[in-house]
Structures are given as structure tokens and as C-alpha cells.
């Protein structure tokens, strides 16, 4: 089993996540992640369907949609045979719709000393004014983490995190059901605290950078603050005419309490900063349970 502080990092999931009805995402293990289409609120309101707003694999030219992606993870990996499972509930409020993800399911498993693999999927329930509620299974994320240098007290660690996203709904015209991303993570451990961040590229057309600071405030309690910046790199005349920003910044804070060496409870709150163009998350809440285990 990994040390408890690492499990705490795993438990703080979904801090940068966006609602599944906007882009079919689910909470993830050991990091926060997100990918949102900035026209999603309008699409969900008019169509009442997540597939109408889902841009996960990259839009066709001139769609009137901005695609953003953000991923946050550390450089630590699970020990071979070690793993964890987490169950969480998330709430999102945007200008034109709200959503509850319940449950979001995440699992990860240590394959070798420097490699782990995992998967993440949510069940979403979304509603918009004047449209019927929609529900379903969100996108599947398949991830791996390859550690290049192990983090330790006073030193930096590095890891690369190839991932694949498989859409649960039909993609936009000209887009594929499968997309990918390659985040690179950096982690530094201090005494009673650590900081980590990720940067990389989403194949749907987004560059991002994100960072977190985690501080131990008691023997079994940690608080974490996160900040992410994403930039849509695909030109879209319709999105420009709609006034959709090509940049997105999200901030969040969370806390985790370790009930035991194998069980942790966590919660988080966050929002999008800056002008609300219809896709901004006005309020995000998340909470859940993470359980670590070992295969003999």
C-alpha cells in the first residue's frame, strides 16, 4: 500500500472537472481533469441532450464551439499490486443548465514500480430550463502513468500520463469518438506539504497548464488549492461571432480526511474565473469516498 499522503492526493478528484452534459467527462483518480465545450450550455438548453454539446474528440471547422481540456496529476505512482477505488458525487451549475454526476467511479492499479493504469466513468443527470432532464453514462477515460523520476522530500519527480477518451454519445460531425491527450506532470515534496502540476495537449484542440498546492493541517487532514488555464487552439469563426473566449481559467479548493490508512473522505468546491460566456461553471461541488487496496 502507498503511504497515506499519496492516497490523499488520489482522493481529491474532480477539482478541475466540467459537467458531463457539456463534454461527457467523469471524475478521475489522483488528479483533477476537465474538458468543456463553450457553447455547451446553449446546446444543452436547446437540444436537451448531452450529445448535442459533446465535443470531446474535436469539432469540425466552424462549429461555434470552443473545446477546452485540463488535467491535473502528480508524479507519484501506486506500488505494484496496489490500487484504489473511489466513488463520488458532483454538482455543476452553469448559466443555462445544472447537472449532478452520481455516481462517478474511478479505479487505478499499480502494474510495475513505475507504471500504473486506471479508468474513470460517471453517471450524469442534467437539466435545463424548458427542456426534459437527460441522464446517461458519461465518457470513459482510460489512463496510464509512467514515472520518469520518483518524487522525494526536497526533490522533483516527473511523469508522463498518456490517456484516451472514448465518447459515450455521438460526436459532432467530422469528429471521432476517440480522442487522446499527453499530460506531463511535475511534483515537489516539502515537509508537511507538496506541490504538483501538469501541462500538455488535448487532441481535440487545447493546450493547458494546471497546478496544486497540498498542505497537511492535521495528522489525518489535508487541504488543497488548484488553478488551471486552458487555451483552445482551433480557429472557429462562429465561436468568434458568438463572443466565446479562447481561454478558460478554473479555481478550486478541497479537503480530505483520512478515516484510516485505507479509507479517505474528500470534498471540493470551485468555479470558473472571468467573464461568463455561457460555458463557465458558476459553482462546482464534489464529495466522495476513496478506498485503497492491495492484491497479494
C-alpha atoms as a PDB file:
ATOM      1  CA  UNK A   1       0.000   0.000   0.000  1.00  0.00           C
ATOM      2  CA  UNK A   2       1.183   3.516  -0.766  1.00  0.00           C
ATOM      3  CA  UNK A   3       1.690   5.974   2.053  1.00  0.00           C
ATOM      4  CA  UNK A   4      -1.397   7.837   3.201  1.00  0.00           C
ATOM      5  CA  UNK A   5      -0.413  11.277   1.824  1.00  0.00           C
ATOM      6  CA  UNK A   6      -0.325   9.822  -1.691  1.00  0.00           C
ATOM      7  CA  UNK A   7      -3.756   8.292  -1.250  1.00  0.00           C
ATOM      8  CA  UNK A   8      -4.996  11.720  -0.195  1.00  0.00           C
ATOM      9  CA  UNK A   9      -3.784  13.112  -3.478  1.00  0.00           C
ATOM     10  CA  UNK A  10      -5.729  10.383  -5.226  1.00  0.00           C
ATOM     11  CA  UNK A  11      -8.851  11.160  -3.255  1.00  0.00           C
ATOM     12  CA  UNK A  12      -9.043  14.813  -4.261  1.00  0.00           C
ATOM     13  CA  UNK A  13     -10.714  14.101  -7.579  1.00  0.00           C
ATOM     14  CA  UNK A  14     -12.709  16.217  -9.945  1.00  0.00           C
ATOM     15  CA  UNK A  15     -11.442  19.626  -8.832  1.00  0.00           C
ATOM     16  CA  UNK A  16     -10.965  20.834 -12.403  1.00  0.00           C
ATOM     17  CA  UNK A  17     -13.707  18.729 -13.905  1.00  0.00           C
ATOM     18  CA  UNK A  18     -16.509  20.031 -16.085  1.00  0.00           C
ATOM     19  CA  UNK A  19     -20.064  18.667 -16.289  1.00  0.00           C
ATOM     20  CA  UNK A  20     -20.640  15.548 -18.341  1.00  0.00           C
ATOM     21  CA  UNK A  21     -23.520  17.124 -20.229  1.00  0.00           C
ATOM     22  CA  UNK A  22     -21.066  19.708 -21.518  1.00  0.00           C
ATOM     23  CA  UNK A  23     -18.457  17.282 -22.704  1.00  0.00           C
ATOM     24  CA  UNK A  24     -19.086  13.813 -21.338  1.00  0.00           C
ATOM     25  CA  UNK A  25     -16.438  13.751 -18.651  1.00  0.00           C
ATOM     26  CA  UNK A  26     -16.294  11.980 -15.339  1.00  0.00           C
ATOM     27  CA  UNK A  27     -14.271  12.405 -12.183  1.00  0.00           C
ATOM     28  CA  UNK A  28     -10.805  10.962 -12.232  1.00  0.00           C
ATOM     29  CA  UNK A  29      -8.407   9.452  -9.789  1.00  0.00           C
ATOM     30  CA  UNK A  30      -5.348  11.144  -8.421  1.00  0.00           C
ATOM     31  CA  UNK A  31      -5.948  14.359 -10.246  1.00  0.00           C
ATOM     32  CA  UNK A  32      -8.483  16.760 -11.450  1.00  0.00           C
ATOM     33  CA  UNK A  33      -9.451  16.845 -15.057  1.00  0.00           C
ATOM     34  CA  UNK A  34     -11.812  18.585 -17.347  1.00  0.00           C
ATOM     35  CA  UNK A  35     -12.753  19.271 -20.933  1.00  0.00           C
ATOM     36  CA  UNK A  36     -15.598  21.550 -21.825  1.00  0.00           C
ATOM     37  CA  UNK A  37     -17.263  22.907 -24.933  1.00  0.00           C
ATOM     38  CA  UNK A  38     -18.023  26.571 -24.507  1.00  0.00           C
ATOM     39  CA  UNK A  39     -21.427  26.534 -26.259  1.00  0.00           C
ATOM     40  CA  UNK A  40     -22.444  23.527 -24.244  1.00  0.00           C
ATOM     41  CA  UNK A  41     -24.951  25.381 -22.115  1.00  0.00           C
ATOM     42  CA  UNK A  42     -26.817  26.708 -25.135  1.00  0.00           C
ATOM     43  CA  UNK A  43     -26.714  23.324 -26.836  1.00  0.00           C
ATOM     44  CA  UNK A  44     -27.980  21.512 -23.758  1.00  0.00           C
ATOM     45  CA  UNK A  45     -30.760  24.042 -23.327  1.00  0.00           C
ATOM     46  CA  UNK A  46     -31.975  23.815 -26.911  1.00  0.00           C
ATOM     47  CA  UNK A  47     -31.448  20.113 -27.521  1.00  0.00           C
ATOM     48  CA  UNK A  48     -31.837  18.694 -24.015  1.00  0.00           C
ATOM     49  CA  UNK A  49     -29.185  16.121 -24.854  1.00  0.00           C
ATOM     50  CA  UNK A  50     -25.511  15.718 -23.890  1.00  0.00           C
ATOM     51  CA  UNK A  51     -24.661  14.511 -27.368  1.00  0.00           C
ATOM     52  CA  UNK A  52     -25.615  17.885 -28.778  1.00  0.00           C
ATOM     53  CA  UNK A  53     -22.903  19.537 -26.721  1.00  0.00           C
ATOM     54  CA  UNK A  54     -20.264  16.862 -26.693  1.00  0.00           C
ATOM     55  CA  UNK A  55     -17.061  17.969 -28.407  1.00  0.00           C
ATOM     56  CA  UNK A  56     -14.623  15.562 -26.802  1.00  0.00           C
ATOM     57  CA  UNK A  57     -12.856  14.352 -29.937  1.00  0.00           C
ATOM     58  CA  UNK A  58     -12.521  17.743 -31.591  1.00  0.00           C
ATOM     59  CA  UNK A  59     -15.056  19.740 -33.603  1.00  0.00           C
ATOM     60  CA  UNK A  60     -15.447  20.080 -37.336  1.00  0.00           C
ATOM     61  CA  UNK A  61     -14.391  23.512 -38.637  1.00  0.00           C
ATOM     62  CA  UNK A  62     -16.691  26.449 -37.793  1.00  0.00           C
ATOM     63  CA  UNK A  63     -18.926  24.751 -35.229  1.00  0.00           C
ATOM     64  CA  UNK A  64     -19.487  27.661 -32.854  1.00  0.00           C
ATOM     65  CA  UNK A  65     -17.926  25.598 -30.078  1.00  0.00           C
ATOM     66  CA  UNK A  66     -14.716  26.097 -28.078  1.00  0.00           C
ATOM     67  CA  UNK A  67     -13.038  22.954 -26.808  1.00  0.00           C
ATOM     68  CA  UNK A  68     -11.010  23.101 -23.601  1.00  0.00           C
ATOM     69  CA  UNK A  69      -9.136  20.416 -21.735  1.00  0.00           C
ATOM     70  CA  UNK A  70      -7.424  20.482 -18.329  1.00  0.00           C
ATOM     71  CA  UNK A  71      -5.682  17.711 -16.427  1.00  0.00           C
ATOM     72  CA  UNK A  72      -4.007  17.793 -13.036  1.00  0.00           C
ATOM     73  CA  UNK A  73      -1.970  14.939 -11.582  1.00  0.00           C
ATOM     74  CA  UNK A  74       1.178  14.368  -9.549  1.00  0.00           C
ATOM     75  CA  UNK A  75       4.266  12.325 -10.414  1.00  0.00           C
ATOM     76  CA  UNK A  76       3.727   9.541  -7.841  1.00  0.00           C
ATOM     77  CA  UNK A  77       2.589   6.040  -8.810  1.00  0.00           C
ATOM     78  CA  UNK A  78       0.938   3.162  -6.992  1.00  0.00           C
ATOM     79  CA  UNK A  79       3.120   0.266  -5.868  1.00  0.00           C
ATOM     80  CA  UNK A  80       2.865  -2.935  -7.951  1.00  0.00           C
ATOM     81  CA  UNK A  81      -0.281  -4.789  -6.878  1.00  0.00           C
ATOM     82  CA  UNK A  82      -1.631  -1.733  -5.069  1.00  0.00           C
ATOM     83  CA  UNK A  83      -4.749   0.097  -6.133  1.00  0.00           C
ATOM     84  CA  UNK A  84      -7.667   2.218  -5.093  1.00  0.00           C
ATOM     85  CA  UNK A  85     -11.326   2.677  -5.920  1.00  0.00           C
ATOM     86  CA  UNK A  86     -13.290   5.869  -5.408  1.00  0.00           C
ATOM     87  CA  UNK A  87     -16.960   6.795  -5.590  1.00  0.00           C
ATOM     88  CA  UNK A  88     -18.014  10.422  -5.744  1.00  0.00           C
ATOM     89  CA  UNK A  89     -20.922  12.767  -6.403  1.00  0.00           C
ATOM     90  CA  UNK A  90     -20.538  16.076  -8.252  1.00  0.00           C
ATOM     91  CA  UNK A  91     -22.806  19.087  -8.798  1.00  0.00           C
ATOM     92  CA  UNK A  92     -22.376  21.733 -11.514  1.00  0.00           C
ATOM     93  CA  UNK A  93     -24.327  24.948 -12.074  1.00  0.00           C
ATOM     94  CA  UNK A  94     -23.944  26.800 -15.361  1.00  0.00           C
ATOM     95  CA  UNK A  95     -25.938  29.722 -16.775  1.00  0.00           C
ATOM     96  CA  UNK A  96     -28.477  27.538 -18.581  1.00  0.00           C
ATOM     97  CA  UNK A  97     -28.322  24.101 -17.006  1.00  0.00           C
ATOM     98  CA  UNK A  98     -27.373  22.171 -13.913  1.00  0.00           C
ATOM     99  CA  UNK A  99     -26.019  18.673 -13.522  1.00  0.00           C
ATOM    100  CA  UNK A 100     -25.423  16.018 -10.907  1.00  0.00           C
ATOM    101  CA  UNK A 101     -22.951  13.200 -11.507  1.00  0.00           C
ATOM    102  CA  UNK A 102     -23.924  10.296  -9.268  1.00  0.00           C
ATOM    103  CA  UNK A 103     -22.062   8.155  -9.015  1.00  0.00           C
ATOM    104  CA  UNK A 104     -18.673   8.797 -10.574  1.00  0.00           C
ATOM    105  CA  UNK A 105     -16.499   5.703 -10.456  1.00  0.00           C
ATOM    106  CA  UNK A 106     -12.685   5.639 -10.590  1.00  0.00           C
ATOM    107  CA  UNK A 107     -10.167   2.840 -10.265  1.00  0.00           C
ATOM    108  CA  UNK A 108      -6.367   2.633 -10.550  1.00  0.00           C
ATOM    109  CA  UNK A 109      -3.861  -0.198 -10.234  1.00  0.00           C
ATOM    110  CA  UNK A 110      -0.064  -0.359  -9.966  1.00  0.00           C
ATOM    111  CA  UNK A 111       1.392  -2.513 -12.744  1.00  0.00           C
ATOM    112  CA  UNK A 112       5.131  -2.101 -12.149  1.00  0.00           C
ATOM    113  CA  UNK A 113       7.388   0.015  -9.977  1.00  0.00           C
ATOM    114  CA  UNK A 114       6.993   2.966 -12.355  1.00  0.00           C
ATOM    115  CA  UNK A 115       3.743   2.305 -14.242  1.00  0.00           C
ATOM    116  CA  UNK A 116       0.090   2.391 -13.212  1.00  0.00           C
ATOM    117  CA  UNK A 117      -3.170   2.208 -15.176  1.00  0.00           C
ATOM    118  CA  UNK A 118      -6.726   3.251 -14.484  1.00  0.00           C
ATOM    119  CA  UNK A 119     -10.193   4.122 -15.721  1.00  0.00           C
ATOM    120  CA  UNK A 120     -12.887   6.649 -14.928  1.00  0.00           C
ATOM    121  CA  UNK A 121     -16.584   6.943 -15.838  1.00  0.00           C
ATOM    122  CA  UNK A 122     -19.568   8.934 -14.443  1.00  0.00           C
ATOM    123  CA  UNK A 123     -23.333   8.611 -14.494  1.00  0.00           C
ATOM    124  CA  UNK A 124     -24.784  12.063 -15.199  1.00  0.00           C
ATOM    125  CA  UNK A 125     -28.195  13.683 -14.623  1.00  0.00           C
ATOM    126  CA  UNK A 126     -28.584  17.064 -16.384  1.00  0.00           C
ATOM    127  CA  UNK A 127     -31.472  19.512 -16.632  1.00  0.00           C
ATOM    128  CA  UNK A 128     -32.035  22.789 -18.483  1.00  0.00           C
ATOM    129  CA  UNK A 129     -34.886  25.284 -18.383  1.00  0.00           C
ATOM    130  CA  UNK A 130     -37.608  24.368 -20.829  1.00  0.00           C
ATOM    131  CA  UNK A 131     -36.063  21.013 -21.742  1.00  0.00           C
ATOM    132  CA  UNK A 132     -36.512  17.497 -20.378  1.00  0.00           C
ATOM    133  CA  UNK A 133     -33.894  16.128 -17.996  1.00  0.00           C
ATOM    134  CA  UNK A 134     -31.339  13.811 -19.525  1.00  0.00           C
ATOM    135  CA  UNK A 135     -29.256  11.104 -17.919  1.00  0.00           C
ATOM    136  CA  UNK A 136     -26.776   8.505 -19.004  1.00  0.00           C
ATOM    137  CA  UNK A 137     -23.255   7.166 -18.731  1.00  0.00           C
ATOM    138  CA  UNK A 138     -20.542   9.707 -19.496  1.00  0.00           C
ATOM    139  CA  UNK A 139     -17.318   9.306 -21.405  1.00  0.00           C
ATOM    140  CA  UNK A 140     -14.828   6.606 -20.493  1.00  0.00           C
ATOM    141  CA  UNK A 141     -11.281   7.732 -19.668  1.00  0.00           C
ATOM    142  CA  UNK A 142      -8.505   5.142 -19.922  1.00  0.00           C
ATOM    143  CA  UNK A 143      -5.252   6.341 -18.411  1.00  0.00           C
ATOM    144  CA  UNK A 144      -1.718   5.286 -17.675  1.00  0.00           C
ATOM    145  CA  UNK A 145       1.067   6.981 -15.743  1.00  0.00           C
ATOM    146  CA  UNK A 146       4.735   6.400 -16.477  1.00  0.00           C
ATOM    147  CA  UNK A 147       7.046   7.727 -13.797  1.00  0.00           C
ATOM    148  CA  UNK A 148      10.332   9.099 -15.110  1.00  0.00           C
ATOM    149  CA  UNK A 149      11.708  10.167 -11.735  1.00  0.00           C
ATOM    150  CA  UNK A 150      10.284   9.362  -8.310  1.00  0.00           C
ATOM    151  CA  UNK A 151       9.492  12.424  -6.147  1.00  0.00           C
ATOM    152  CA  UNK A 152      11.045  12.562  -2.681  1.00  0.00           C
ATOM    153  CA  UNK A 153      11.452  15.128   0.084  1.00  0.00           C
ATOM    154  CA  UNK A 154      13.319  18.116  -1.295  1.00  0.00           C
ATOM    155  CA  UNK A 155      13.474  16.796  -4.873  1.00  0.00           C
ATOM    156  CA  UNK A 156      11.364  16.947  -8.022  1.00  0.00           C
ATOM    157  CA  UNK A 157       9.605  13.988  -9.604  1.00  0.00           C
ATOM    158  CA  UNK A 158       8.401  13.678 -13.208  1.00  0.00           C
ATOM    159  CA  UNK A 159       5.815  11.548 -15.000  1.00  0.00           C
ATOM    160  CA  UNK A 160       4.078  11.336 -18.374  1.00  0.00           C
ATOM    161  CA  UNK A 161       0.379  10.413 -18.445  1.00  0.00           C
ATOM    162  CA  UNK A 162      -0.949   9.145 -21.814  1.00  0.00           C
ATOM    163  CA  UNK A 163      -4.740   8.938 -21.825  1.00  0.00           C
ATOM    164  CA  UNK A 164      -7.616   8.071 -24.141  1.00  0.00           C
ATOM    165  CA  UNK A 165     -11.159   9.430 -24.010  1.00  0.00           C
ATOM    166  CA  UNK A 166     -13.973   7.356 -25.530  1.00  0.00           C
ATOM    167  CA  UNK A 167     -17.200   9.280 -26.123  1.00  0.00           C
ATOM    168  CA  UNK A 168     -20.418   7.720 -24.871  1.00  0.00           C
ATOM    169  CA  UNK A 169     -22.515   9.839 -27.277  1.00  0.00           C
ATOM    170  CA  UNK A 170     -22.303  10.510 -30.985  1.00  0.00           C
ATOM    171  CA  UNK A 171     -19.540  13.029 -31.761  1.00  0.00           C
ATOM    172  CA  UNK A 172     -20.038  16.256 -33.659  1.00  0.00           C
ATOM    173  CA  UNK A 173     -19.931  15.994 -37.474  1.00  0.00           C
ATOM    174  CA  UNK A 174     -16.389  15.450 -38.681  1.00  0.00           C
ATOM    175  CA  UNK A 175     -15.157  14.374 -35.248  1.00  0.00           C
ATOM    176  CA  UNK A 176     -14.184  10.944 -33.991  1.00  0.00           C
ATOM    177  CA  UNK A 177     -15.433   9.054 -30.965  1.00  0.00           C
ATOM    178  CA  UNK A 178     -11.897   8.563 -29.594  1.00  0.00           C
ATOM    179  CA  UNK A 179      -9.506  11.359 -28.621  1.00  0.00           C
ATOM    180  CA  UNK A 180      -6.248  11.477 -26.677  1.00  0.00           C
ATOM    181  CA  UNK A 181      -4.051  13.678 -24.526  1.00  0.00           C
ATOM    182  CA  UNK A 182      -0.487  13.575 -23.218  1.00  0.00           C
ATOM    183  CA  UNK A 183      -0.092  15.475 -19.924  1.00  0.00           C
ATOM    184  CA  UNK A 184       3.332  15.766 -18.306  1.00  0.00           C
ATOM    185  CA  UNK A 185       3.417  16.161 -14.509  1.00  0.00           C
ATOM    186  CA  UNK A 186       5.918  17.602 -12.047  1.00  0.00           C
ATOM    187  CA  UNK A 187       5.851  17.112  -8.258  1.00  0.00           C
ATOM    188  CA  UNK A 188       7.879  18.591  -5.392  1.00  0.00           C
ATOM    189  CA  UNK A 189       7.565  17.362  -1.804  1.00  0.00           C
ATOM    190  CA  UNK A 190       8.302  19.528   1.206  1.00  0.00           C
ATOM    191  CA  UNK A 191       7.839  18.954   4.939  1.00  0.00           C
ATOM    192  CA  UNK A 192       4.091  18.761   5.573  1.00  0.00           C
ATOM    193  CA  UNK A 193       3.232  19.973   2.088  1.00  0.00           C
ATOM    194  CA  UNK A 194       3.743  19.298  -1.577  1.00  0.00           C
ATOM    195  CA  UNK A 195       3.058  20.997  -4.891  1.00  0.00           C
ATOM    196  CA  UNK A 196       2.441  19.468  -8.290  1.00  0.00           C
ATOM    197  CA  UNK A 197       1.286  20.494 -11.728  1.00  0.00           C
ATOM    198  CA  UNK A 198       0.618  19.281 -15.254  1.00  0.00           C
ATOM    199  CA  UNK A 199       0.838  20.673 -18.754  1.00  0.00           C
ATOM    200  CA  UNK A 200       0.120  19.196 -22.151  1.00  0.00           C
ATOM    201  CA  UNK A 201      -2.093  18.909 -25.221  1.00  0.00           C
ATOM    202  CA  UNK A 202      -5.567  17.512 -25.943  1.00  0.00           C
ATOM    203  CA  UNK A 203      -6.087  16.205 -29.481  1.00  0.00           C
ATOM    204  CA  UNK A 204      -9.461  17.942 -29.704  1.00  0.00           C
ATOM    205  CA  UNK A 205      -7.513  21.215 -29.869  1.00  0.00           C
ATOM    206  CA  UNK A 206      -6.479  22.517 -26.476  1.00  0.00           C
ATOM    207  CA  UNK A 207      -3.303  23.424 -24.606  1.00  0.00           C
ATOM    208  CA  UNK A 208      -3.378  23.599 -20.804  1.00  0.00           C
ATOM    209  CA  UNK A 209      -1.395  24.181 -17.620  1.00  0.00           C
ATOM    210  CA  UNK A 210      -2.579  23.417 -14.076  1.00  0.00           C
ATOM    211  CA  UNK A 211      -1.104  23.418 -10.587  1.00  0.00           C
ATOM    212  CA  UNK A 212      -1.969  22.485  -7.000  1.00  0.00           C
ATOM    213  CA  UNK A 213      -0.616  23.035  -3.501  1.00  0.00           C
ATOM    214  CA  UNK A 214      -1.441  20.436  -0.825  1.00  0.00           C
ATOM    215  CA  UNK A 215      -0.871  21.170   2.880  1.00  0.00           C
ATOM    216  CA  UNK A 216      -1.280  18.908   5.912  1.00  0.00           C
ATOM    217  CA  UNK A 217      -3.285  20.789   8.545  1.00  0.00           C
ATOM    218  CA  UNK A 218      -3.550  17.844  10.973  1.00  0.00           C
ATOM    219  CA  UNK A 219      -2.229  14.294  11.244  1.00  0.00           C
ATOM    220  CA  UNK A 220      -5.027  12.969   9.023  1.00  0.00           C
ATOM    221  CA  UNK A 221      -6.344  16.099   7.279  1.00  0.00           C
ATOM    222  CA  UNK A 222      -5.134  17.808   4.106  1.00  0.00           C
ATOM    223  CA  UNK A 223      -6.299  20.881   2.202  1.00  0.00           C
ATOM    224  CA  UNK A 224      -5.581  21.503  -1.480  1.00  0.00           C
ATOM    225  CA  UNK A 225      -5.917  24.516  -3.761  1.00  0.00           C
ATOM    226  CA  UNK A 226      -5.852  24.223  -7.560  1.00  0.00           C
ATOM    227  CA  UNK A 227      -5.668  26.545 -10.559  1.00  0.00           C
ATOM    228  CA  UNK A 228      -5.932  25.616 -14.237  1.00  0.00           C
ATOM    229  CA  UNK A 229      -5.629  27.505 -17.506  1.00  0.00           C
ATOM    230  CA  UNK A 230      -6.781  26.096 -20.846  1.00  0.00           C
ATOM    231  CA  UNK A 231      -6.498  27.603 -24.334  1.00  0.00           C
ATOM    232  CA  UNK A 232      -8.489  26.486 -27.386  1.00  0.00           C
ATOM    233  CA  UNK A 233      -6.132  26.498 -30.386  1.00  0.00           C
ATOM    234  CA  UNK A 234      -8.623  25.782 -33.177  1.00  0.00           C
ATOM    235  CA  UNK A 235      -9.963  28.695 -35.231  1.00  0.00           C
ATOM    236  CA  UNK A 236     -13.740  28.904 -35.349  1.00  0.00           C
ATOM    237  CA  UNK A 237     -15.429  31.917 -36.952  1.00  0.00           C
ATOM    238  CA  UNK A 238     -18.844  31.111 -35.486  1.00  0.00           C
ATOM    239  CA  UNK A 239     -17.381  30.889 -31.977  1.00  0.00           C
ATOM    240  CA  UNK A 240     -15.713  34.264 -32.517  1.00  0.00           C
ATOM    241  CA  UNK A 241     -19.025  35.819 -33.599  1.00  0.00           C
ATOM    242  CA  UNK A 242     -20.703  34.379 -30.507  1.00  0.00           C
ATOM    243  CA  UNK A 243     -18.058  36.045 -28.337  1.00  0.00           C
ATOM    244  CA  UNK A 244     -16.777  32.766 -26.915  1.00  0.00           C
ATOM    245  CA  UNK A 245     -13.412  33.199 -25.267  1.00  0.00           C
ATOM    246  CA  UNK A 246     -10.489  31.066 -26.402  1.00  0.00           C
ATOM    247  CA  UNK A 247      -9.210  30.917 -22.808  1.00  0.00           C
ATOM    248  CA  UNK A 248     -10.638  29.396 -19.645  1.00  0.00           C
ATOM    249  CA  UNK A 249      -9.414  29.614 -16.034  1.00  0.00           C
ATOM    250  CA  UNK A 250     -10.782  27.467 -13.199  1.00  0.00           C
ATOM    251  CA  UNK A 251     -10.004  27.572  -9.480  1.00  0.00           C
ATOM    252  CA  UNK A 252     -10.979  25.191  -6.691  1.00  0.00           C
ATOM    253  CA  UNK A 253     -10.246  24.179  -3.138  1.00  0.00           C
ATOM    254  CA  UNK A 254     -10.727  20.909  -1.314  1.00  0.00           C
ATOM    255  CA  UNK A 255     -10.108  18.971   1.865  1.00  0.00           C
ATOM    256  CA  UNK A 256      -9.543  15.306   2.674  1.00  0.00           C
ATOM    257  CA  UNK A 257      -9.854  13.446   5.947  1.00  0.00           C
ATOM    258  CA  UNK A 258      -8.302  10.003   6.338  1.00  0.00           C
ATOM    259  CA  UNK A 259     -10.618   7.801   8.364  1.00  0.00           C
ATOM    260  CA  UNK A 260      -7.947   5.075   8.338  1.00  0.00           C
ATOM    261  CA  UNK A 261      -4.824   4.108   6.420  1.00  0.00           C
ATOM    262  CA  UNK A 262      -7.059   2.713   3.663  1.00  0.00           C
ATOM    263  CA  UNK A 263     -10.139   4.972   3.631  1.00  0.00           C
ATOM    264  CA  UNK A 264     -10.450   8.699   2.970  1.00  0.00           C
ATOM    265  CA  UNK A 265     -13.369  11.114   2.651  1.00  0.00           C
ATOM    266  CA  UNK A 266     -12.993  14.178   0.441  1.00  0.00           C
ATOM    267  CA  UNK A 267     -14.840  17.274  -0.732  1.00  0.00           C
ATOM    268  CA  UNK A 268     -14.198  20.210  -3.036  1.00  0.00           C
ATOM    269  CA  UNK A 269     -15.681  23.499  -4.268  1.00  0.00           C
ATOM    270  CA  UNK A 270     -14.738  25.511  -7.329  1.00  0.00           C
ATOM    271  CA  UNK A 271     -15.776  27.758 -10.211  1.00  0.00           C
ATOM    272  CA  UNK A 272     -14.626  29.364 -13.454  1.00  0.00           C
ATOM    273  CA  UNK A 273     -12.954  32.774 -13.185  1.00  0.00           C
ATOM    274  CA  UNK A 274     -13.596  35.719 -15.505  1.00  0.00           C
ATOM    275  CA  UNK A 275     -16.424  36.592 -17.880  1.00  0.00           C
ATOM    276  CA  UNK A 276     -19.290  34.105 -18.134  1.00  0.00           C
ATOM    277  CA  UNK A 277     -19.913  33.420 -21.835  1.00  0.00           C
ATOM    278  CA  UNK A 278     -22.416  30.641 -21.136  1.00  0.00           C
ATOM    279  CA  UNK A 279     -19.965  27.798 -20.608  1.00  0.00           C
ATOM    280  CA  UNK A 280     -18.436  28.934 -17.309  1.00  0.00           C
ATOM    281  CA  UNK A 281     -19.016  26.807 -14.225  1.00  0.00           C
ATOM    282  CA  UNK A 282     -20.685  29.149 -11.756  1.00  0.00           C
ATOM    283  CA  UNK A 283     -20.457  26.617  -8.933  1.00  0.00           C
ATOM    284  CA  UNK A 284     -18.936  23.169  -8.615  1.00  0.00           C
ATOM    285  CA  UNK A 285     -19.288  20.878  -5.584  1.00  0.00           C
ATOM    286  CA  UNK A 286     -17.917  17.373  -5.186  1.00  0.00           C
ATOM    287  CA  UNK A 287     -17.527  14.805  -2.451  1.00  0.00           C
ATOM    288  CA  UNK A 288     -16.857  11.121  -2.070  1.00  0.00           C
ATOM    289  CA  UNK A 289     -15.024   8.153  -0.649  1.00  0.00           C
ATOM    290  CA  UNK A 290     -11.708   6.595  -1.688  1.00  0.00           C
ATOM    291  CA  UNK A 291     -10.573   3.119  -0.625  1.00  0.00           C
ATOM    292  CA  UNK A 292      -7.078   1.741  -1.216  1.00  0.00           C
ATOM    293  CA  UNK A 293      -6.339  -1.983  -1.500  1.00  0.00           C
ATOM    294  CA  UNK A 294      -3.581  -4.438  -2.305  1.00  0.00           C
ATOM    295  CA  UNK A 295      -3.619  -7.593  -4.417  1.00  0.00           C
ATOM    296  CA  UNK A 296      -1.458 -10.254  -2.809  1.00  0.00           C
END
